[in-house]
Amino acid sequence: MEKLINKPTQCDKILKVLEDNTGEWVNGRYFVQTMMISQYHARIFELQDKGYNIESSEFKDDFGFKSYRLKPSETLF
């Protein structure tokens, strides 16, 4: 009998990095050079469409990459 292995998607991988660094900026170059995800913009847009509050920086680094961060959830009590 075959076992199905669910590999994390690119969205899953990006979300994990952003969650591990909630509130901190993660440079887009990290997604390209370290995670080997060249179309990270599209994956971030997918996550935003799913309701994740991901903010992009107004500034770019020397190589033209923006940074992104997952804004902490606001809970109402």
C-alpha atoms as a PDB file:
ATOM      1  CA  MET A   1       0.000   0.000   0.000  1.00  0.00           C
ATOM      2  CA  GLU A   2       1.331   3.428  -0.935  1.00  0.00           C
ATOM      3  CA  LYS A   3       1.653   6.191   1.594  1.00  0.00           C
ATOM      4  CA  LEU A   4       0.914   9.699   0.471  1.00  0.00           C
ATOM      5  CA  ILE A   5       3.365  12.256   1.733  1.00  0.00           C
ATOM      6  CA  ASN A   6       2.080  15.783   1.912  1.00  0.00           C
ATOM      7  CA  LYS A   7       4.949  18.077   1.056  1.00  0.00           C
ATOM      8  CA  PRO A   8       4.603  21.676   2.183  1.00  0.00           C
ATOM      9  CA  THR A   9       3.665  24.058  -0.607  1.00  0.00           C
ATOM     10  CA  GLN A  10       5.622  27.221  -1.373  1.00  0.00           C
ATOM     11  CA  CYS A  11       2.865  29.163   0.403  1.00  0.00           C
ATOM     12  CA  ASP A  12       3.269  26.915   3.457  1.00  0.00           C
ATOM     13  CA  LYS A  13       7.023  27.478   3.493  1.00  0.00           C
ATOM     14  CA  ILE A  14       6.733  31.254   3.159  1.00  0.00           C
ATOM     15  CA  LEU A  15       4.017  31.426   5.811  1.00  0.00           C
ATOM     16  CA  LYS A  16       6.176  29.402   8.226  1.00  0.00           C
ATOM     17  CA  VAL A  17       9.065  31.850   7.814  1.00  0.00           C
ATOM     18  CA  LEU A  18       6.770  34.837   8.281  1.00  0.00           C
ATOM     19  CA  GLU A  19       5.099  33.247  11.330  1.00  0.00           C
ATOM     20  CA  ASP A  20       8.465  32.435  12.886  1.00  0.00           C
ATOM     21  CA  ASN A  21       9.352  36.113  12.471  1.00  0.00           C
ATOM     22  CA  THR A  22       5.958  37.706  13.185  1.00  0.00           C
ATOM     23  CA  GLY A  23       6.280  41.472  13.264  1.00  0.00           C
ATOM     24  CA  GLU A  24       9.835  41.362  11.883  1.00  0.00           C
ATOM     25  CA  TRP A  25      10.772  42.173   8.297  1.00  0.00           C
ATOM     26  CA  VAL A  26      11.897  39.299   6.052  1.00  0.00           C
ATOM     27  CA  ASN A  27      13.719  40.400   2.918  1.00  0.00           C
ATOM     28  CA  GLY A  28      12.428  39.023  -0.388  1.00  0.00           C
ATOM     29  CA  ARG A  29      15.972  38.017  -1.294  1.00  0.00           C
ATOM     30  CA  TYR A  30      15.753  35.350   1.434  1.00  0.00           C
ATOM     31  CA  PHE A  31      12.871  33.667  -0.403  1.00  0.00           C
ATOM     32  CA  VAL A  32      14.823  33.651  -3.664  1.00  0.00           C
ATOM     33  CA  GLN A  33      18.337  32.798  -2.533  1.00  0.00           C
ATOM     34  CA  THR A  34      17.747  30.602   0.515  1.00  0.00           C
ATOM     35  CA  MET A  35      14.353  29.031  -0.151  1.00  0.00           C
ATOM     36  CA  MET A  36      14.712  28.946  -3.957  1.00  0.00           C
ATOM     37  CA  ILE A  37      11.222  30.416  -4.511  1.00  0.00           C
ATOM     38  CA  SER A  38      11.550  32.759  -7.478  1.00  0.00           C
ATOM     39  CA  GLN A  39       7.846  33.657  -7.686  1.00  0.00           C
ATOM     40  CA  TYR A  40       7.491  34.556  -4.019  1.00  0.00           C
ATOM     41  CA  HIS A  41       5.426  37.663  -4.882  1.00  0.00           C
ATOM     42  CA  ALA A  42       2.664  35.452  -6.287  1.00  0.00           C
ATOM     43  CA  ARG A  43       2.741  33.196  -3.218  1.00  0.00           C
ATOM     44  CA  ILE A  44       2.505  36.223  -0.900  1.00  0.00           C
ATOM     45  CA  PHE A  45      -0.487  37.500  -2.884  1.00  0.00           C
ATOM     46  CA  GLU A  46      -2.100  34.048  -2.532  1.00  0.00           C
ATOM     47  CA  LEU A  47      -1.605  34.191   1.231  1.00  0.00           C
ATOM     48  CA  GLN A  48      -3.073  37.696   1.349  1.00  0.00           C
ATOM     49  CA  ASP A  49      -6.085  36.463  -0.638  1.00  0.00           C
ATOM     50  CA  LYS A  50      -6.527  33.758   2.003  1.00  0.00           C
ATOM     51  CA  GLY A  51      -6.762  36.478   4.649  1.00  0.00           C
ATOM     52  CA  TYR A  52      -3.224  36.671   6.027  1.00  0.00           C
ATOM     53  CA  ASN A  53      -2.237  40.205   6.952  1.00  0.00           C
ATOM     54  CA  ILE A  54       1.121  40.457   5.186  1.00  0.00           C
ATOM     55  CA  GLU A  55       2.609  43.909   4.795  1.00  0.00           C
ATOM     56  CA  SER A  56       5.253  44.869   2.245  1.00  0.00           C
ATOM     57  CA  SER A  57       7.852  47.512   2.960  1.00  0.00           C
ATOM     58  CA  GLU A  58       7.945  50.854   1.220  1.00  0.00           C
ATOM     59  CA  PHE A  59      11.703  50.580   0.825  1.00  0.00           C
ATOM     60  CA  LYS A  60      13.867  48.269  -1.289  1.00  0.00           C
ATOM     61  CA  ASP A  61      17.343  46.988  -0.520  1.00  0.00           C
ATOM     62  CA  ASP A  62      20.381  47.634  -2.719  1.00  0.00           C
ATOM     63  CA  PHE A  63      19.345  44.729  -4.965  1.00  0.00           C
ATOM     64  CA  GLY A  64      15.749  45.916  -5.447  1.00  0.00           C
ATOM     65  CA  PHE A  65      14.047  43.513  -3.032  1.00  0.00           C
ATOM     66  CA  LYS A  66      11.249  44.613  -0.732  1.00  0.00           C
ATOM     67  CA  SER A  67      10.764  43.104   2.712  1.00  0.00           C
ATOM     68  CA  TYR A  68       7.603  41.507   4.076  1.00  0.00           C
ATOM     69  CA  ARG A  69       6.165  40.834   7.489  1.00  0.00           C
ATOM     70  CA  LEU A  70       3.179  39.107   8.976  1.00  0.00           C
ATOM     71  CA  LYS A  71       1.365  41.533  11.193  1.00  0.00           C
ATOM     72  CA  PRO A  72       0.292  40.051  14.524  1.00  0.00           C
ATOM     73  CA  SER A  73      -3.374  39.145  14.843  1.00  0.00           C
ATOM     74  CA  GLU A  74      -5.439  41.646  16.730  1.00  0.00           C
ATOM     75  CA  THR A  75      -7.709  40.023  19.258  1.00  0.00           C
ATOM     76  CA  LEU A  76     -10.665  41.772  20.781  1.00  0.00           C
ATOM     77  CA  PHE A  77     -11.683  41.019  24.349  1.00  0.00           C
END
